[in-house]
Amino acid sequence: MRVRAMAVVVLSAVLPLLSCSDATTPANPTASPTPTPTPTPTPTPAEPSPSPSPSDNPEGTTEPAVYATAGVHSYLRNGNLVRSGAQTYKAGDVIYLNCTPRDAKGNKTTNHGPIKSWGIFSSDLVAGNPMSGDFYYTDTNSFNPDLHINKTLSKPSGTIKAYCTVLNLPRSANHAMFIKK
């Protein structure tokens, strides 16, 4: 019995030295708690900034109108509607103009008077009708007249300009549209 007791004493004295830990670390370490994984937060997509500036509200406001802008909101080419303006329009296109009253911050507004007039002209192309001239226009008693470019032009290219006037507002700046065969 004496031999067995010595073996137990020797093993218990040598085991701490054989382990990879220092003498202060217990032979049977206690398990540390496993942290609960937290889900990675999904980034919130940034709101796109309005373009063109300064519109705060794309639907418009009810602030009083102080000026108006003339422009192109779409055009028809070969039977296909393009929902924007273009750098160049071609013979046969129909250009859909718009007059937009704006408040002091540049936002579209519904607080304005009626359309007073449109000026649609060219110094190098000839205004006419569907049978003659280079272009003609319709619905000028509305905020959205149509500008028709005839299929045959008297010149290889030219510029048509348009402006609008809303009652009690200054005339808009000219909006220029380059036309080519």
C-alpha atoms as a PDB file:
ATOM      1  CA  MET A   1       0.000   0.000   0.000  1.00  0.00           C
ATOM      2  CA  ARG A   2       2.790   2.263   0.589  1.00  0.00           C
ATOM      3  CA  VAL A   3       3.921   2.187  -3.073  1.00  0.00           C
ATOM      4  CA  ARG A   4       0.530   3.232  -4.320  1.00  0.00           C
ATOM      5  CA  ALA A   5       0.357   6.234  -2.062  1.00  0.00           C
ATOM      6  CA  MET A   6       3.716   7.425  -3.317  1.00  0.00           C
ATOM      7  CA  ALA A   7       2.691   7.115  -6.931  1.00  0.00           C
ATOM      8  CA  VAL A   8      -0.342   9.238  -6.286  1.00  0.00           C
ATOM      9  CA  VAL A   9       1.779  11.817  -4.517  1.00  0.00           C
ATOM     10  CA  VAL A  10       4.364  11.906  -7.356  1.00  0.00           C
ATOM     11  CA  LEU A  11       1.712  12.192 -10.100  1.00  0.00           C
ATOM     12  CA  SER A  12      -0.169  14.924  -8.322  1.00  0.00           C
ATOM     13  CA  ALA A  13       3.094  16.859  -7.878  1.00  0.00           C
ATOM     14  CA  VAL A  14       4.241  16.396 -11.531  1.00  0.00           C
ATOM     15  CA  LEU A  15       0.913  17.014 -13.357  1.00  0.00           C
ATOM     16  CA  PRO A  16       0.864  20.769 -12.738  1.00  0.00           C
ATOM     17  CA  LEU A  17       4.419  21.021 -14.114  1.00  0.00           C
ATOM     18  CA  LEU A  18       3.509  19.091 -17.295  1.00  0.00           C
ATOM     19  CA  SER A  19       0.611  21.347 -18.188  1.00  0.00           C
ATOM     20  CA  CYS A  20       1.164  24.410 -20.375  1.00  0.00           C
ATOM     21  CA  SER A  21      -0.097  26.771 -17.743  1.00  0.00           C
ATOM     22  CA  ASP A  22       1.675  28.510 -14.968  1.00  0.00           C
ATOM     23  CA  ALA A  23       1.406  27.324 -11.395  1.00  0.00           C
ATOM     24  CA  THR A  24      -1.357  29.765 -10.553  1.00  0.00           C
ATOM     25  CA  THR A  25      -3.736  28.406 -13.212  1.00  0.00           C
ATOM     26  CA  PRO A  26      -5.890  25.609 -11.890  1.00  0.00           C
ATOM     27  CA  ALA A  27      -5.454  22.195 -13.528  1.00  0.00           C
ATOM     28  CA  ASN A  28      -9.157  22.144 -14.457  1.00  0.00           C
ATOM     29  CA  PRO A  29     -10.045  25.655 -15.668  1.00  0.00           C
ATOM     30  CA  THR A  30     -13.645  26.700 -15.528  1.00  0.00           C
ATOM     31  CA  ALA A  31     -15.274  27.418 -18.861  1.00  0.00           C
ATOM     32  CA  SER A  32     -15.769  31.087 -19.582  1.00  0.00           C
ATOM     33  CA  PRO A  33     -19.240  32.022 -20.778  1.00  0.00           C
ATOM     34  CA  THR A  34     -19.641  32.184 -24.569  1.00  0.00           C
ATOM     35  CA  PRO A  35     -20.876  35.641 -25.558  1.00  0.00           C
ATOM     36  CA  THR A  36     -24.237  35.731 -27.295  1.00  0.00           C
ATOM     37  CA  PRO A  37     -23.682  36.963 -30.844  1.00  0.00           C
ATOM     38  CA  THR A  38     -25.418  40.240 -31.592  1.00  0.00           C
ATOM     39  CA  PRO A  39     -26.817  40.688 -35.090  1.00  0.00           C
ATOM     40  CA  THR A  40     -24.963  43.139 -37.301  1.00  0.00           C
ATOM     41  CA  PRO A  41     -27.193  46.156 -37.806  1.00  0.00           C
ATOM     42  CA  THR A  42     -28.411  46.586 -41.368  1.00  0.00           C
ATOM     43  CA  PRO A  43     -27.348  49.992 -42.665  1.00  0.00           C
ATOM     44  CA  THR A  44     -30.216  52.315 -43.429  1.00  0.00           C
ATOM     45  CA  PRO A  45     -29.942  53.492 -47.034  1.00  0.00           C
ATOM     46  CA  ALA A  46     -29.365  57.206 -47.321  1.00  0.00           C
ATOM     47  CA  GLU A  47     -32.207  59.242 -48.710  1.00  0.00           C
ATOM     48  CA  PRO A  48     -31.282  60.436 -52.198  1.00  0.00           C
ATOM     49  CA  SER A  49     -30.858  64.159 -52.446  1.00  0.00           C
ATOM     50  CA  PRO A  50     -33.332  65.837 -54.761  1.00  0.00           C
ATOM     51  CA  SER A  51     -32.156  66.631 -58.211  1.00  0.00           C
ATOM     52  CA  PRO A  52     -32.217  69.229 -59.480  1.00  0.00           C
ATOM     53  CA  SER A  53     -31.863  71.317 -56.379  1.00  0.00           C
ATOM     54  CA  PRO A  54     -33.530  73.154 -54.560  1.00  0.00           C
ATOM     55  CA  SER A  55     -36.810  71.216 -54.551  1.00  0.00           C
ATOM     56  CA  ASP A  56     -37.686  70.175 -51.024  1.00  0.00           C
ATOM     57  CA  ASN A  57     -40.959  68.545 -52.002  1.00  0.00           C
ATOM     58  CA  PRO A  58     -41.235  66.864 -55.421  1.00  0.00           C
ATOM     59  CA  GLU A  59     -45.024  67.168 -55.270  1.00  0.00           C
ATOM     60  CA  GLY A  60     -44.807  70.921 -54.778  1.00  0.00           C
ATOM     61  CA  THR A  61     -45.928  73.354 -52.142  1.00  0.00           C
ATOM     62  CA  THR A  62     -48.739  75.815 -51.621  1.00  0.00           C
ATOM     63  CA  GLU A  63     -46.388  78.763 -51.090  1.00  0.00           C
ATOM     64  CA  PRO A  64     -47.060  81.730 -53.395  1.00  0.00           C
ATOM     65  CA  ALA A  65     -45.467  81.529 -56.843  1.00  0.00           C
ATOM     66  CA  VAL A  66     -42.816  84.157 -57.562  1.00  0.00           C
ATOM     67  CA  TYR A  67     -41.578  82.995 -60.977  1.00  0.00           C
ATOM     68  CA  ALA A  68     -42.068  80.267 -63.596  1.00  0.00           C
ATOM     69  CA  THR A  69     -39.764  78.053 -65.642  1.00  0.00           C
ATOM     70  CA  ALA A  70     -40.327  76.751 -69.167  1.00  0.00           C
ATOM     71  CA  GLY A  71     -38.938  73.371 -70.164  1.00  0.00           C
ATOM     72  CA  VAL A  72     -39.470  69.995 -71.799  1.00  0.00           C
ATOM     73  CA  HIS A  73     -40.977  67.174 -69.768  1.00  0.00           C
ATOM     74  CA  SER A  74     -40.990  64.538 -72.548  1.00  0.00           C
ATOM     75  CA  TYR A  75     -40.959  64.027 -76.289  1.00  0.00           C
ATOM     76  CA  LEU A  76     -42.266  61.541 -78.832  1.00  0.00           C
ATOM     77  CA  ARG A  77     -39.831  60.043 -81.357  1.00  0.00           C
ATOM     78  CA  ASN A  78     -40.899  57.394 -83.875  1.00  0.00           C
ATOM     79  CA  GLY A  79     -43.937  56.558 -81.736  1.00  0.00           C
ATOM     80  CA  ASN A  80     -41.872  56.102 -78.530  1.00  0.00           C
ATOM     81  CA  LEU A  81     -42.391  58.414 -75.554  1.00  0.00           C
ATOM     82  CA  VAL A  82     -39.146  59.522 -73.893  1.00  0.00           C
ATOM     83  CA  ARG A  83     -39.824  60.875 -70.385  1.00  0.00           C
ATOM     84  CA  SER A  84     -37.132  63.552 -70.350  1.00  0.00           C
ATOM     85  CA  GLY A  85     -35.733  66.292 -72.497  1.00  0.00           C
ATOM     86  CA  ALA A  86     -32.933  65.785 -75.032  1.00  0.00           C
ATOM     87  CA  GLN A  87     -29.871  67.705 -76.135  1.00  0.00           C
ATOM     88  CA  THR A  88     -31.016  67.424 -79.750  1.00  0.00           C
ATOM     89  CA  TYR A  89     -34.448  66.863 -81.288  1.00  0.00           C
ATOM     90  CA  LYS A  90     -35.038  65.468 -84.762  1.00  0.00           C
ATOM     91  CA  ALA A  91     -37.389  66.268 -87.605  1.00  0.00           C
ATOM     92  CA  GLY A  92     -40.679  64.457 -86.898  1.00  0.00           C
ATOM     93  CA  ASP A  93     -40.418  64.689 -83.080  1.00  0.00           C
ATOM     94  CA  VAL A  94     -43.237  66.047 -80.926  1.00  0.00           C
ATOM     95  CA  ILE A  95     -41.886  67.959 -77.918  1.00  0.00           C
ATOM     96  CA  TYR A  96     -44.097  68.282 -74.815  1.00  0.00           C
ATOM     97  CA  LEU A  97     -43.393  71.592 -73.106  1.00  0.00           C
ATOM     98  CA  ASN A  98     -44.265  72.576 -69.562  1.00  0.00           C
ATOM     99  CA  CYS A  99     -44.542  75.809 -67.634  1.00  0.00           C
ATOM    100  CA  THR A 100     -43.863  75.343 -63.916  1.00  0.00           C
ATOM    101  CA  PRO A 101     -44.691  78.093 -61.390  1.00  0.00           C
ATOM    102  CA  ARG A 102     -42.205  78.093 -58.483  1.00  0.00           C
ATOM    103  CA  ASP A 103     -42.053  79.538 -54.976  1.00  0.00           C
ATOM    104  CA  ALA A 104     -39.217  81.635 -53.517  1.00  0.00           C
ATOM    105  CA  LYS A 105     -37.208  78.476 -52.723  1.00  0.00           C
ATOM    106  CA  GLY A 106     -37.530  77.129 -56.274  1.00  0.00           C
ATOM    107  CA  ASN A 107     -40.109  74.459 -55.419  1.00  0.00           C
ATOM    108  CA  LYS A 108     -43.048  73.731 -57.691  1.00  0.00           C
ATOM    109  CA  THR A 109     -46.167  75.343 -56.279  1.00  0.00           C
ATOM    110  CA  THR A 110     -49.885  75.068 -56.877  1.00  0.00           C
ATOM    111  CA  ASN A 111     -50.466  78.604 -55.583  1.00  0.00           C
ATOM    112  CA  HIS A 112     -50.481  80.568 -58.852  1.00  0.00           C
ATOM    113  CA  GLY A 113     -52.699  82.190 -61.439  1.00  0.00           C
ATOM    114  CA  PRO A 114     -53.637  80.883 -64.897  1.00  0.00           C
ATOM    115  CA  ILE A 115     -51.309  80.657 -67.869  1.00  0.00           C
ATOM    116  CA  LYS A 116     -51.226  83.979 -69.664  1.00  0.00           C
ATOM    117  CA  SER A 117     -49.236  83.168 -72.794  1.00  0.00           C
ATOM    118  CA  TRP A 118     -46.494  81.200 -74.498  1.00  0.00           C
ATOM    119  CA  GLY A 119     -43.822  82.509 -76.834  1.00  0.00           C
ATOM    120  CA  ILE A 120     -42.483  79.847 -79.204  1.00  0.00           C
ATOM    121  CA  PHE A 121     -40.160  81.160 -81.910  1.00  0.00           C
ATOM    122  CA  SER A 122     -37.020  80.627 -83.956  1.00  0.00           C
ATOM    123  CA  SER A 123     -34.636  82.957 -85.730  1.00  0.00           C
ATOM    124  CA  ASP A 124     -33.507  80.241 -88.157  1.00  0.00           C
ATOM    125  CA  LEU A 125     -36.457  77.823 -88.578  1.00  0.00           C
ATOM    126  CA  VAL A 126     -39.871  78.749 -89.972  1.00  0.00           C
ATOM    127  CA  ALA A 127     -43.050  78.546 -87.879  1.00  0.00           C
ATOM    128  CA  GLY A 128     -45.956  77.149 -89.867  1.00  0.00           C
ATOM    129  CA  ASN A 129     -48.611  74.456 -89.685  1.00  0.00           C
ATOM    130  CA  PRO A 130     -48.782  70.680 -90.312  1.00  0.00           C
ATOM    131  CA  MET A 131     -48.484  71.247 -94.081  1.00  0.00           C
ATOM    132  CA  SER A 132     -45.841  73.984 -94.241  1.00  0.00           C
ATOM    133  CA  GLY A 133     -42.966  75.450 -92.287  1.00  0.00           C
ATOM    134  CA  ASP A 134     -40.495  73.678 -90.028  1.00  0.00           C
ATOM    135  CA  PHE A 135     -42.599  73.536 -86.847  1.00  0.00           C
ATOM    136  CA  TYR A 136     -45.963  74.376 -85.334  1.00  0.00           C
ATOM    137  CA  TYR A 137     -47.445  74.266 -81.843  1.00  0.00           C
ATOM    138  CA  THR A 138     -50.793  73.528 -80.218  1.00  0.00           C
ATOM    139  CA  ASP A 139     -52.481  73.983 -76.825  1.00  0.00           C
ATOM    140  CA  THR A 140     -50.723  77.243 -75.975  1.00  0.00           C
ATOM    141  CA  ASN A 141     -53.629  78.161 -73.682  1.00  0.00           C
ATOM    142  CA  SER A 142     -52.402  75.482 -71.224  1.00  0.00           C
ATOM    143  CA  PHE A 143     -49.352  74.878 -69.026  1.00  0.00           C
ATOM    144  CA  ASN A 144     -48.374  72.013 -71.377  1.00  0.00           C
ATOM    145  CA  PRO A 145     -48.380  72.894 -75.088  1.00  0.00           C
ATOM    146  CA  ASP A 146     -47.145  70.540 -77.815  1.00  0.00           C
ATOM    147  CA  LEU A 147     -44.371  71.542 -80.221  1.00  0.00           C
ATOM    148  CA  HIS A 148     -44.458  69.573 -83.495  1.00  0.00           C
ATOM    149  CA  ILE A 149     -41.327  69.438 -85.656  1.00  0.00           C
ATOM    150  CA  ASN A 150     -42.300  68.774 -89.264  1.00  0.00           C
ATOM    151  CA  LYS A 151     -40.664  65.826 -91.027  1.00  0.00           C
ATOM    152  CA  THR A 152     -38.974  68.063 -93.583  1.00  0.00           C
ATOM    153  CA  LEU A 153     -36.923  71.067 -92.503  1.00  0.00           C
ATOM    154  CA  SER A 154     -35.908  74.043 -94.637  1.00  0.00           C
ATOM    155  CA  LYS A 155     -32.407  73.981 -93.089  1.00  0.00           C
ATOM    156  CA  PRO A 156     -30.161  71.205 -91.780  1.00  0.00           C
ATOM    157  CA  SER A 157     -30.572  72.447 -88.189  1.00  0.00           C
ATOM    158  CA  GLY A 158     -31.816  75.275 -86.029  1.00  0.00           C
ATOM    159  CA  THR A 159     -32.936  76.309 -82.574  1.00  0.00           C
ATOM    160  CA  ILE A 160     -36.468  76.834 -81.317  1.00  0.00           C
ATOM    161  CA  LYS A 161     -36.961  78.819 -78.115  1.00  0.00           C
ATOM    162  CA  ALA A 162     -39.967  78.861 -75.793  1.00  0.00           C
ATOM    163  CA  TYR A 163     -40.979  80.930 -72.796  1.00  0.00           C
ATOM    164  CA  CYS A 164     -44.152  81.106 -70.725  1.00  0.00           C
ATOM    165  CA  THR A 165     -45.957  83.800 -68.790  1.00  0.00           C
ATOM    166  CA  VAL A 166     -48.255  83.111 -65.839  1.00  0.00           C
ATOM    167  CA  LEU A 167     -50.667  85.829 -64.701  1.00  0.00           C
ATOM    168  CA  ASN A 168     -48.996  88.174 -62.164  1.00  0.00           C
ATOM    169  CA  LEU A 169     -45.557  86.541 -62.577  1.00  0.00           C
ATOM    170  CA  PRO A 170     -42.573  87.679 -64.648  1.00  0.00           C
ATOM    171  CA  ARG A 171     -41.982  85.975 -67.983  1.00  0.00           C
ATOM    172  CA  SER A 172     -39.868  82.792 -67.728  1.00  0.00           C
ATOM    173  CA  ALA A 173     -36.421  82.570 -69.241  1.00  0.00           C
ATOM    174  CA  ASN A 174     -36.160  81.187 -72.765  1.00  0.00           C
ATOM    175  CA  HIS A 175     -35.790  77.430 -73.053  1.00  0.00           C
ATOM    176  CA  ALA A 176     -33.725  76.558 -76.156  1.00  0.00           C
ATOM    177  CA  MET A 177     -34.207  73.330 -78.134  1.00  0.00           C
ATOM    178  CA  PHE A 178     -31.709  72.355 -80.841  1.00  0.00           C
ATOM    179  CA  ILE A 179     -33.345  70.701 -83.878  1.00  0.00           C
ATOM    180  CA  LYS A 180     -31.604  68.805 -86.693  1.00  0.00           C
ATOM    181  CA  LYS A 181     -32.674  66.739 -89.713  1.00  0.00           C
END
